[in-house]
Amino acid sequence: LKMRCRHEAPGLLGRASIAHRSAQDLQDAVDVAITGVQALLNNQN
């Protein structure tokens, strides 16, 4: 197209950014952990 075109690839920055942490994501991370421990100790192998 004979156009100037920039490219941006944040890559690992996007998955490591605590500044952009989602409130729902944090709650989900805690919920699955608690359930996982409980399931393990209740022999839900």
ModelCIF file with pLDDT and N, C-alpha, C, O atoms, coordinates in Angstrom:
data_MODEL
#
_entry.id   MODEL 
#
_entity.id                         1 
_entity.type                       polymer 
_entity.pdbx_number_of_molecules   1 
#
_entity_poly.entity_id                      1 
_entity_poly.type                           'polypeptide(L)' 
_entity_poly.nstd_linkage                   no 
_entity_poly.nstd_monomer                   no 
_entity_poly.pdbx_seq_one_letter_code       LKMRCRHEAPGLLGRASIAHRSAQDLQDAVDVAITGVQALLNNQN 
_entity_poly.pdbx_seq_one_letter_code_can   LKMRCRHEAPGLLGRASIAHRSAQDLQDAVDVAITGVQALLNNQN 
_entity_poly.pdbx_strand_id                 A 
#
loop_
_entity_poly_seq.entity_id 
_entity_poly_seq.num 
_entity_poly_seq.mon_id 
_entity_poly_seq.hetero 
1 1  LEU n 
1 2  LYS n 
1 3  MET n 
1 4  ARG n 
1 5  CYS n 
1 6  ARG n 
1 7  HIS n 
1 8  GLU n 
1 9  ALA n 
1 10 PRO n 
1 11 GLY n 
1 12 LEU n 
1 13 LEU n 
1 14 GLY n 
1 15 ARG n 
1 16 ALA n 
1 17 SER n 
1 18 ILE n 
1 19 ALA n 
1 20 HIS n 
1 21 ARG n 
1 22 SER n 
1 23 ALA n 
1 24 GLN n 
1 25 ASP n 
1 26 LEU n 
1 27 GLN n 
1 28 ASP n 
1 29 ALA n 
1 30 VAL n 
1 31 ASP n 
1 32 VAL n 
1 33 ALA n 
1 34 ILE n 
1 35 THR n 
1 36 GLY n 
1 37 VAL n 
1 38 GLN n 
1 39 ALA n 
1 40 LEU n 
1 41 LEU n 
1 42 ASN n 
1 43 ASN n 
1 44 GLN n 
1 45 ASN n 
#
_struct_asym.id          A 
_struct_asym.entity_id   1 
#
loop_
_ma_qa_metric.id 
_ma_qa_metric.mode 
_ma_qa_metric.name 
_ma_qa_metric.software_group_id 
_ma_qa_metric.type 
1 global pLDDT . pLDDT 
2 local  pLDDT . pLDDT 
#
_ma_qa_metric_global.metric_id      1 
_ma_qa_metric_global.metric_value   96.24 
_ma_qa_metric_global.model_id       1 
_ma_qa_metric_global.ordinal_id     1 
#
loop_
_ma_qa_metric_local.label_asym_id 
_ma_qa_metric_local.label_comp_id 
_ma_qa_metric_local.label_seq_id 
_ma_qa_metric_local.metric_id 
_ma_qa_metric_local.metric_value 
_ma_qa_metric_local.model_id 
_ma_qa_metric_local.ordinal_id 
A LEU 1  2 98.00 1 1  
A LYS 2  2 97.00 1 2  
A MET 3  2 96.00 1 3  
A ARG 4  2 96.00 1 4  
A CYS 5  2 97.00 1 5  
A ARG 6  2 97.00 1 6  
A HIS 7  2 97.00 1 7  
A GLU 8  2 97.00 1 8  
A ALA 9  2 94.00 1 9  
A PRO 10 2 92.00 1 10 
A GLY 11 2 90.00 1 11 
A LEU 12 2 92.00 1 12 
A LEU 13 2 94.00 1 13 
A GLY 14 2 92.00 1 14 
A ARG 15 2 92.00 1 15 
A ALA 16 2 90.00 1 16 
A SER 17 2 95.00 1 17 
A ILE 18 2 96.00 1 18 
A ALA 19 2 96.00 1 19 
A HIS 20 2 97.00 1 20 
A ARG 21 2 98.00 1 21 
A SER 22 2 98.00 1 22 
A ALA 23 2 98.00 1 23 
A GLN 24 2 98.00 1 24 
A ASP 25 2 98.00 1 25 
A LEU 26 2 98.00 1 26 
A GLN 27 2 98.00 1 27 
A ASP 28 2 98.00 1 28 
A ALA 29 2 98.00 1 29 
A VAL 30 2 98.00 1 30 
A ASP 31 2 98.00 1 31 
A VAL 32 2 98.00 1 32 
A ALA 33 2 98.00 1 33 
A ILE 34 2 98.00 1 34 
A THR 35 2 98.00 1 35 
A GLY 36 2 98.00 1 36 
A VAL 37 2 98.00 1 37 
A GLN 38 2 98.00 1 38 
A ALA 39 2 98.00 1 39 
A LEU 40 2 97.00 1 40 
A LEU 41 2 96.00 1 41 
A ASN 42 2 96.00 1 42 
A ASN 43 2 93.00 1 43 
A GLN 44 2 96.00 1 44 
A ASN 45 2 96.00 1 45 
#
loop_
_atom_site.group_PDB 
_atom_site.id 
_atom_site.type_symbol 
_atom_site.label_atom_id 
_atom_site.label_alt_id 
_atom_site.label_comp_id 
_atom_site.label_asym_id 
_atom_site.label_entity_id 
_atom_site.label_seq_id 
_atom_site.pdbx_PDB_ins_code 
_atom_site.Cartn_x 
_atom_site.Cartn_y 
_atom_site.Cartn_z 
_atom_site.occupancy 
_atom_site.B_iso_or_equiv 
_atom_site.pdbx_formal_charge 
_atom_site.auth_seq_id 
_atom_site.auth_comp_id 
_atom_site.auth_asym_id 
_atom_site.auth_atom_id 
_atom_site.pdbx_PDB_model_num 
ATOM 1   N N  . LEU A 1 1  ? 0.817   -1.225  0.000  1.00 98.00 ? 1  LEU A N  1 
ATOM 2   C CA . LEU A 1 1  ? 0.000   0.000   0.000  1.00 98.00 ? 1  LEU A CA 1 
ATOM 3   C C  . LEU A 1 1  ? 0.847   1.270   0.000  1.00 98.00 ? 1  LEU A C  1 
ATOM 4   O O  . LEU A 1 1  ? 0.315   2.377   -0.081 1.00 98.00 ? 1  LEU A O  1 
ATOM 5   N N  . LYS A 1 2  ? 2.156   1.105   0.090  1.00 97.00 ? 2  LYS A N  1 
ATOM 6   C CA . LYS A 1 2  ? 3.074   2.261   0.104  1.00 97.00 ? 2  LYS A CA 1 
ATOM 7   C C  . LYS A 1 2  ? 2.723   3.228   1.236  1.00 97.00 ? 2  LYS A C  1 
ATOM 8   O O  . LYS A 1 2  ? 2.743   4.446   1.064  1.00 97.00 ? 2  LYS A O  1 
ATOM 9   N N  . MET A 1 3  ? 2.404   2.659   2.383  1.00 96.00 ? 3  MET A N  1 
ATOM 10  C CA . MET A 1 3  ? 2.058   3.455   3.564  1.00 96.00 ? 3  MET A CA 1 
ATOM 11  C C  . MET A 1 3  ? 3.055   3.195   4.686  1.00 96.00 ? 3  MET A C  1 
ATOM 12  O O  . MET A 1 3  ? 3.587   2.093   4.818  1.00 96.00 ? 3  MET A O  1 
ATOM 13  N N  . ARG A 1 4  ? 3.297   4.215   5.482  1.00 96.00 ? 4  ARG A N  1 
ATOM 14  C CA . ARG A 1 4  ? 4.082   4.019   6.689  1.00 96.00 ? 4  ARG A CA 1 
ATOM 15  C C  . ARG A 1 4  ? 3.255   3.231   7.691  1.00 96.00 ? 4  ARG A C  1 
ATOM 16  O O  . ARG A 1 4  ? 2.080   3.530   7.906  1.00 96.00 ? 4  ARG A O  1 
ATOM 17  N N  . CYS A 1 5  ? 3.863   2.230   8.300  1.00 97.00 ? 5  CYS A N  1 
ATOM 18  C CA . CYS A 1 5  ? 3.131   1.392   9.249  1.00 97.00 ? 5  CYS A CA 1 
ATOM 19  C C  . CYS A 1 5  ? 4.035   1.022   10.409 1.00 97.00 ? 5  CYS A C  1 
ATOM 20  O O  . CYS A 1 5  ? 5.093   0.425   10.211 1.00 97.00 ? 5  CYS A O  1 
ATOM 21  N N  . ARG A 1 6  ? 3.626   1.373   11.611 1.00 97.00 ? 6  ARG A N  1 
ATOM 22  C CA . ARG A 1 6  ? 4.348   1.008   12.826 1.00 97.00 ? 6  ARG A CA 1 
ATOM 23  C C  . ARG A 1 6  ? 3.798   -0.322  13.362 1.00 97.00 ? 6  ARG A C  1 
ATOM 24  O O  . ARG A 1 6  ? 2.697   -0.742  13.004 1.00 97.00 ? 6  ARG A O  1 
ATOM 25  N N  . HIS A 1 7  ? 4.576   -0.964  14.216 1.00 97.00 ? 7  HIS A N  1 
ATOM 26  C CA . HIS A 1 7  ? 4.107   -2.194  14.856 1.00 97.00 ? 7  HIS A CA 1 
ATOM 27  C C  . HIS A 1 7  ? 4.504   -2.172  16.323 1.00 97.00 ? 7  HIS A C  1 
ATOM 28  O O  . HIS A 1 7  ? 5.611   -1.765  16.678 1.00 97.00 ? 7  HIS A O  1 
ATOM 29  N N  . GLU A 1 8  ? 3.581   -2.619  17.169 1.00 97.00 ? 8  GLU A N  1 
ATOM 30  C CA . GLU A 1 8  ? 3.801   -2.663  18.610 1.00 97.00 ? 8  GLU A CA 1 
ATOM 31  C C  . GLU A 1 8  ? 3.501   -4.079  19.097 1.00 97.00 ? 8  GLU A C  1 
ATOM 32  O O  . GLU A 1 8  ? 2.455   -4.641  18.770 1.00 97.00 ? 8  GLU A O  1 
ATOM 33  N N  . ALA A 1 9  ? 4.406   -4.653  19.871 1.00 94.00 ? 9  ALA A N  1 
ATOM 34  C CA . ALA A 1 9  ? 4.201   -6.003  20.399 1.00 94.00 ? 9  ALA A CA 1 
ATOM 35  C C  . ALA A 1 9  ? 4.597   -6.030  21.874 1.00 94.00 ? 9  ALA A C  1 
ATOM 36  O O  . ALA A 1 9  ? 5.720   -6.413  22.204 1.00 94.00 ? 9  ALA A O  1 
ATOM 37  N N  . PRO A 1 10 ? 3.696   -5.632  22.757 1.00 92.00 ? 10 PRO A N  1 
ATOM 38  C CA . PRO A 1 10 ? 4.037   -5.595  24.181 1.00 92.00 ? 10 PRO A CA 1 
ATOM 39  C C  . PRO A 1 10 ? 4.408   -6.955  24.759 1.00 92.00 ? 10 PRO A C  1 
ATOM 40  O O  . PRO A 1 10 ? 5.146   -7.029  25.741 1.00 92.00 ? 10 PRO A O  1 
ATOM 41  N N  . GLY A 1 11 ? 3.904   -8.033  24.160 1.00 90.00 ? 11 GLY A N  1 
ATOM 42  C CA . GLY A 1 11 ? 4.325   -9.365  24.570 1.00 90.00 ? 11 GLY A CA 1 
ATOM 43  C C  . GLY A 1 11 ? 4.197   -9.632  26.049 1.00 90.00 ? 11 GLY A C  1 
ATOM 44  O O  . GLY A 1 11 ? 3.104   -9.554  26.609 1.00 90.00 ? 11 GLY A O  1 
ATOM 45  N N  . LEU A 1 12 ? 5.326   -9.953  26.695 1.00 92.00 ? 12 LEU A N  1 
ATOM 46  C CA . LEU A 1 12 ? 5.317   -10.331 28.105 1.00 92.00 ? 12 LEU A CA 1 
ATOM 47  C C  . LEU A 1 12 ? 4.828   -9.212  29.011 1.00 92.00 ? 12 LEU A C  1 
ATOM 48  O O  . LEU A 1 12 ? 4.322   -9.477  30.101 1.00 92.00 ? 12 LEU A O  1 
ATOM 49  N N  . LEU A 1 13 ? 4.972   -7.957  28.571 1.00 94.00 ? 13 LEU A N  1 
ATOM 50  C CA . LEU A 1 13 ? 4.496   -6.843  29.396 1.00 94.00 ? 13 LEU A CA 1 
ATOM 51  C C  . LEU A 1 13 ? 3.008   -6.970  29.669 1.00 94.00 ? 13 LEU A C  1 
ATOM 52  O O  . LEU A 1 13 ? 2.539   -6.616  30.751 1.00 94.00 ? 13 LEU A O  1 
ATOM 53  N N  . GLY A 1 14 ? 2.265   -7.473  28.697 1.00 92.00 ? 14 GLY A N  1 
ATOM 54  C CA . GLY A 1 14 ? 0.819   -7.587  28.834 1.00 92.00 ? 14 GLY A CA 1 
ATOM 55  C C  . GLY A 1 14 ? 0.382   -8.618  29.857 1.00 92.00 ? 14 GLY A C  1 
ATOM 56  O O  . GLY A 1 14 ? -0.655  -8.455  30.500 1.00 92.00 ? 14 GLY A O  1 
ATOM 57  N N  . ARG A 1 15 ? 1.159   -9.674  30.015 1.00 92.00 ? 15 ARG A N  1 
ATOM 58  C CA . ARG A 1 15 ? 0.743   -10.691 30.974 1.00 92.00 ? 15 ARG A CA 1 
ATOM 59  C C  . ARG A 1 15 ? 1.322   -10.455 32.368 1.00 92.00 ? 15 ARG A C  1 
ATOM 60  O O  . ARG A 1 15 ? 0.905   -11.095 33.333 1.00 92.00 ? 15 ARG A O  1 
ATOM 61  N N  . ALA A 1 16 ? 2.285   -9.534  32.472 1.00 90.00 ? 16 ALA A N  1 
ATOM 62  C CA . ALA A 1 16 ? 2.949   -9.299  33.754 1.00 90.00 ? 16 ALA A CA 1 
ATOM 63  C C  . ALA A 1 16 ? 2.494   -8.023  34.443 1.00 90.00 ? 16 ALA A C  1 
ATOM 64  O O  . ALA A 1 16 ? 2.952   -7.731  35.547 1.00 90.00 ? 16 ALA A O  1 
ATOM 65  N N  . SER A 1 17 ? 1.603   -7.252  33.822 1.00 95.00 ? 17 SER A N  1 
ATOM 66  C CA . SER A 1 17 ? 1.276   -5.929  34.336 1.00 95.00 ? 17 SER A CA 1 
ATOM 67  C C  . SER A 1 17 ? 0.308   -5.989  35.519 1.00 95.00 ? 17 SER A C  1 
ATOM 68  O O  . SER A 1 17 ? -0.891  -6.199  35.336 1.00 95.00 ? 17 SER A O  1 
ATOM 69  N N  . ILE A 1 18 ? 0.826   -5.806  36.715 1.00 96.00 ? 18 ILE A N  1 
ATOM 70  C CA . ILE A 1 18 ? -0.016  -5.775  37.901 1.00 96.00 ? 18 ILE A CA 1 
ATOM 71  C C  . ILE A 1 18 ? -0.860  -4.496  37.926 1.00 96.00 ? 18 ILE A C  1 
ATOM 72  O O  . ILE A 1 18 ? -1.915  -4.462  38.559 1.00 96.00 ? 18 ILE A O  1 
ATOM 73  N N  . ALA A 1 19 ? -0.397  -3.447  37.240 1.00 96.00 ? 19 ALA A N  1 
ATOM 74  C CA . ALA A 1 19 ? -1.139  -2.182  37.205 1.00 96.00 ? 19 ALA A CA 1 
ATOM 75  C C  . ALA A 1 19 ? -2.470  -2.329  36.470 1.00 96.00 ? 19 ALA A C  1 
ATOM 76  O O  . ALA A 1 19 ? -3.398  -1.556  36.704 1.00 96.00 ? 19 ALA A O  1 
ATOM 77  N N  . HIS A 1 20 ? -2.562  -3.316  35.587 1.00 97.00 ? 20 HIS A N  1 
ATOM 78  C CA . HIS A 1 20 ? -3.795  -3.533  34.838 1.00 97.00 ? 20 HIS A CA 1 
ATOM 79  C C  . HIS A 1 20 ? -4.589  -4.724  35.379 1.00 97.00 ? 20 HIS A C  1 
ATOM 80  O O  . HIS A 1 20 ? -5.481  -5.237  34.703 1.00 97.00 ? 20 HIS A O  1 
ATOM 81  N N  . ARG A 1 21 ? -4.269  -5.155  36.580 1.00 98.00 ? 21 ARG A N  1 
ATOM 82  C CA . ARG A 1 21 ? -4.952  -6.327  37.135 1.00 98.00 ? 21 ARG A CA 1 
ATOM 83  C C  . ARG A 1 21 ? -6.459  -6.087  37.241 1.00 98.00 ? 21 ARG A C  1 
ATOM 84  O O  . ARG A 1 21 ? -6.906  -5.045  37.721 1.00 98.00 ? 21 ARG A O  1 
ATOM 85  N N  . SER A 1 22 ? -7.202  -7.043  36.796 1.00 98.00 ? 22 SER A N  1 
ATOM 86  C CA . SER A 1 22 ? -8.657  -6.981  36.853 1.00 98.00 ? 22 SER A CA 1 
ATOM 87  C C  . SER A 1 22 ? -9.153  -7.447  38.221 1.00 98.00 ? 22 SER A C  1 
ATOM 88  O O  . SER A 1 22 ? -8.655  -8.430  38.770 1.00 98.00 ? 22 SER A O  1 
ATOM 89  N N  . ALA A 1 23 ? -10.127 -6.739  38.756 1.00 98.00 ? 23 ALA A N  1 
ATOM 90  C CA . ALA A 1 23 ? -10.680 -7.115  40.062 1.00 98.00 ? 23 ALA A CA 1 
ATOM 91  C C  . ALA A 1 23 ? -11.310 -8.499  40.005 1.00 98.00 ? 23 ALA A C  1 
ATOM 92  O O  . ALA A 1 23 ? -11.165 -9.285  40.941 1.00 98.00 ? 23 ALA A O  1 
ATOM 93  N N  . GLN A 1 24 ? -12.009 -8.804  38.914 1.00 98.00 ? 24 GLN A N  1 
ATOM 94  C CA . GLN A 1 24 ? -12.634 -10.116 38.769 1.00 98.00 ? 24 GLN A CA 1 
ATOM 95  C C  . GLN A 1 24 ? -11.568 -11.200 38.656 1.00 98.00 ? 24 GLN A C  1 
ATOM 96  O O  . GLN A 1 24 ? -11.737 -12.304 39.174 1.00 98.00 ? 24 GLN A O  1 
ATOM 97  N N  . ASP A 1 25 ? -10.481 -10.881 37.983 1.00 98.00 ? 25 ASP A N  1 
ATOM 98  C CA . ASP A 1 25 ? -9.397  -11.842 37.808 1.00 98.00 ? 25 ASP A CA 1 
ATOM 99  C C  . ASP A 1 25 ? -8.775  -12.213 39.150 1.00 98.00 ? 25 ASP A C  1 
ATOM 100 O O  . ASP A 1 25 ? -8.503  -13.386 39.406 1.00 98.00 ? 25 ASP A O  1 
ATOM 101 N N  . LEU A 1 26 ? -8.554  -11.237 39.989 1.00 98.00 ? 26 LEU A N  1 
ATOM 102 C CA . LEU A 1 26 ? -7.992  -11.501 41.313 1.00 98.00 ? 26 LEU A CA 1 
ATOM 103 C C  . LEU A 1 26 ? -8.930  -12.381 42.129 1.00 98.00 ? 26 LEU A C  1 
ATOM 104 O O  . LEU A 1 26 ? -8.488  -13.329 42.779 1.00 98.00 ? 26 LEU A O  1 
ATOM 105 N N  . GLN A 1 27 ? -10.209 -12.075 42.098 1.00 98.00 ? 27 GLN A N  1 
ATOM 106 C CA . GLN A 1 27 ? -11.177 -12.891 42.835 1.00 98.00 ? 27 GLN A CA 1 
ATOM 107 C C  . GLN A 1 27 ? -11.208 -14.316 42.297 1.00 98.00 ? 27 GLN A C  1 
ATOM 108 O O  . GLN A 1 27 ? -11.271 -15.275 43.066 1.00 98.00 ? 27 GLN A O  1 
ATOM 109 N N  . ASP A 1 28 ? -11.163 -14.449 40.976 1.00 98.00 ? 28 ASP A N  1 
ATOM 110 C CA . ASP A 1 28 ? -11.165 -15.780 40.361 1.00 98.00 ? 28 ASP A CA 1 
ATOM 111 C C  . ASP A 1 28 ? -9.945  -16.589 40.787 1.00 98.00 ? 28 ASP A C  1 
ATOM 112 O O  . ASP A 1 28 ? -10.051 -17.780 41.080 1.00 98.00 ? 28 ASP A O  1 
ATOM 113 N N  . ALA A 1 29 ? -8.778  -15.930 40.818 1.00 98.00 ? 29 ALA A N  1 
ATOM 114 C CA . ALA A 1 29 ? -7.540  -16.617 41.181 1.00 98.00 ? 29 ALA A CA 1 
ATOM 115 C C  . ALA A 1 29 ? -7.604  -17.157 42.603 1.00 98.00 ? 29 ALA A C  1 
ATOM 116 O O  . ALA A 1 29 ? -7.101  -18.244 42.885 1.00 98.00 ? 29 ALA A O  1 
ATOM 117 N N  . VAL A 1 30 ? -8.218  -16.401 43.486 1.00 98.00 ? 30 VAL A N  1 
ATOM 118 C CA . VAL A 1 30 ? -8.366  -16.839 44.877 1.00 98.00 ? 30 VAL A CA 1 
ATOM 119 C C  . VAL A 1 30 ? -9.399  -17.955 44.979 1.00 98.00 ? 30 VAL A C  1 
ATOM 120 O O  . VAL A 1 30 ? -9.183  -18.942 45.682 1.00 98.00 ? 30 VAL A O  1 
ATOM 121 N N  . ASP A 1 31 ? -10.514 -17.800 44.282 1.00 98.00 ? 31 ASP A N  1 
ATOM 122 C CA . ASP A 1 31 ? -11.603 -18.790 44.357 1.00 98.00 ? 31 ASP A CA 1 
ATOM 123 C C  . ASP A 1 31 ? -11.146 -20.168 43.896 1.00 98.00 ? 31 ASP A C  1 
ATOM 124 O O  . ASP A 1 31 ? -11.431 -21.167 44.556 1.00 98.00 ? 31 ASP A O  1 
ATOM 125 N N  . VAL A 1 32 ? -10.438 -20.230 42.766 1.00 98.00 ? 32 VAL A N  1 
ATOM 126 C CA . VAL A 1 32 ? -10.030 -21.540 42.257 1.00 98.00 ? 32 VAL A CA 1 
ATOM 127 C C  . VAL A 1 32 ? -9.011  -22.192 43.194 1.00 98.00 ? 32 VAL A C  1 
ATOM 128 O O  . VAL A 1 32 ? -8.980  -23.416 43.322 1.00 98.00 ? 32 VAL A O  1 
ATOM 129 N N  . ALA A 1 33 ? -8.184  -21.385 43.843 1.00 98.00 ? 33 ALA A N  1 
ATOM 130 C CA . ALA A 1 33 ? -7.186  -21.930 44.767 1.00 98.00 ? 33 ALA A CA 1 
ATOM 131 C C  . ALA A 1 33 ? -7.852  -22.540 46.002 1.00 98.00 ? 33 ALA A C  1 
ATOM 132 O O  . ALA A 1 33 ? -7.520  -23.652 46.415 1.00 98.00 ? 33 ALA A O  1 
ATOM 133 N N  . ILE A 1 34 ? -8.780  -21.811 46.573 1.00 98.00 ? 34 ILE A N  1 
ATOM 134 C CA . ILE A 1 34 ? -9.471  -22.311 47.776 1.00 98.00 ? 34 ILE A CA 1 
ATOM 135 C C  . ILE A 1 34 ? -10.222 -23.602 47.446 1.00 98.00 ? 34 ILE A C  1 
ATOM 136 O O  . ILE A 1 34 ? -10.141 -24.585 48.182 1.00 98.00 ? 34 ILE A O  1 
ATOM 137 N N  . THR A 1 35 ? -10.949 -23.584 46.339 1.00 98.00 ? 35 THR A N  1 
ATOM 138 C CA . THR A 1 35 ? -11.686 -24.789 45.937 1.00 98.00 ? 35 THR A CA 1 
ATOM 139 C C  . THR A 1 35 ? -10.736 -25.943 45.663 1.00 98.00 ? 35 THR A C  1 
ATOM 140 O O  . THR A 1 35 ? -11.034 -27.089 46.000 1.00 98.00 ? 35 THR A O  1 
ATOM 141 N N  . GLY A 1 36 ? -9.590  -25.646 45.050 1.00 98.00 ? 36 GLY A N  1 
ATOM 142 C CA . GLY A 1 36 ? -8.625  -26.688 44.733 1.00 98.00 ? 36 GLY A CA 1 
ATOM 143 C C  . GLY A 1 36 ? -8.085  -27.375 45.968 1.00 98.00 ? 36 GLY A C  1 
ATOM 144 O O  . GLY A 1 36 ? -7.992  -28.602 46.002 1.00 98.00 ? 36 GLY A O  1 
ATOM 145 N N  . VAL A 1 37 ? -7.727  -26.609 46.983 1.00 98.00 ? 37 VAL A N  1 
ATOM 146 C CA . VAL A 1 37 ? -7.223  -27.194 48.235 1.00 98.00 ? 37 VAL A CA 1 
ATOM 147 C C  . VAL A 1 37 ? -8.311  -28.033 48.903 1.00 98.00 ? 37 VAL A C  1 
ATOM 148 O O  . VAL A 1 37 ? -8.056  -29.145 49.366 1.00 98.00 ? 37 VAL A O  1 
ATOM 149 N N  . GLN A 1 38 ? -9.516  -27.491 48.947 1.00 98.00 ? 38 GLN A N  1 
ATOM 150 C CA . GLN A 1 38 ? -10.616 -28.217 49.574 1.00 98.00 ? 38 GLN A CA 1 
ATOM 151 C C  . GLN A 1 38 ? -10.912 -29.527 48.845 1.00 98.00 ? 38 GLN A C  1 
ATOM 152 O O  . GLN A 1 38 ? -11.158 -30.557 49.473 1.00 98.00 ? 38 GLN A O  1 
ATOM 153 N N  . ALA A 1 39 ? -10.884 -29.473 47.507 1.00 98.00 ? 39 ALA A N  1 
ATOM 154 C CA . ALA A 1 39 ? -11.132 -30.679 46.715 1.00 98.00 ? 39 ALA A CA 1 
ATOM 155 C C  . ALA A 1 39 ? -10.055 -31.728 46.973 1.00 98.00 ? 39 ALA A C  1 
ATOM 156 O O  . ALA A 1 39 ? -10.347 -32.916 47.106 1.00 98.00 ? 39 ALA A O  1 
ATOM 157 N N  . LEU A 1 40 ? -8.808  -31.273 47.042 1.00 97.00 ? 40 LEU A N  1 
ATOM 158 C CA . LEU A 1 40 ? -7.691  -32.191 47.267 1.00 97.00 ? 40 LEU A CA 1 
ATOM 159 C C  . LEU A 1 40 ? -7.808  -32.880 48.620 1.00 97.00 ? 40 LEU A C  1 
ATOM 160 O O  . LEU A 1 40 ? -7.591  -34.086 48.734 1.00 97.00 ? 40 LEU A O  1 
ATOM 161 N N  . LEU A 1 41 ? -8.152  -32.105 49.643 1.00 96.00 ? 41 LEU A N  1 
ATOM 162 C CA . LEU A 1 41 ? -8.233  -32.669 51.001 1.00 96.00 ? 41 LEU A CA 1 
ATOM 163 C C  . LEU A 1 41 ? -9.504  -33.488 51.216 1.00 96.00 ? 41 LEU A C  1 
ATOM 164 O O  . LEU A 1 41 ? -9.619  -34.227 52.194 1.00 96.00 ? 41 LEU A O  1 
ATOM 165 N N  . ASN A 1 42 ? -10.459 -33.348 50.291 1.00 96.00 ? 42 ASN A N  1 
ATOM 166 C CA . ASN A 1 42 ? -11.689 -34.148 50.356 1.00 96.00 ? 42 ASN A CA 1 
ATOM 167 C C  . ASN A 1 42 ? -11.656 -35.321 49.386 1.00 96.00 ? 42 ASN A C  1 
ATOM 168 O O  . ASN A 1 42 ? -12.687 -35.905 49.052 1.00 96.00 ? 42 ASN A O  1 
ATOM 169 N N  . ASN A 1 43 ? -10.428 -35.657 48.935 1.00 93.00 ? 43 ASN A N  1 
ATOM 170 C CA . ASN A 1 43 ? -10.208 -36.839 48.097 1.00 93.00 ? 43 ASN A CA 1 
ATOM 171 C C  . ASN A 1 43 ? -10.936 -36.800 46.756 1.00 93.00 ? 43 ASN A C  1 
ATOM 172 O O  . ASN A 1 43 ? -11.345 -37.837 46.234 1.00 93.00 ? 43 ASN A O  1 
ATOM 173 N N  . GLN A 1 44 ? -11.097 -35.586 46.199 1.00 96.00 ? 44 GLN A N  1 
ATOM 174 C CA . GLN A 1 44 ? -11.703 -35.459 44.867 1.00 96.00 ? 44 GLN A CA 1 
ATOM 175 C C  . GLN A 1 44 ? -10.586 -35.447 43.830 1.00 96.00 ? 44 GLN A C  1 
ATOM 176 O O  . GLN A 1 44 ? -10.344 -34.454 43.144 1.00 96.00 ? 44 GLN A O  1 
ATOM 177 N N  . ASN A 1 45 ? -9.935  -36.569 43.750 1.00 96.00 ? 45 ASN A N  1 
ATOM 178 C CA . ASN A 1 45 ? -8.738  -36.740 42.936 1.00 96.00 ? 45 ASN A CA 1 
ATOM 179 C C  . ASN A 1 45 ? -9.051  -36.656 41.437 1.00 96.00 ? 45 ASN A C  1 
ATOM 180 O O  . ASN A 1 45 ? -8.148  -36.781 40.610 1.00 96.00 ? 45 ASN A O  1 
#
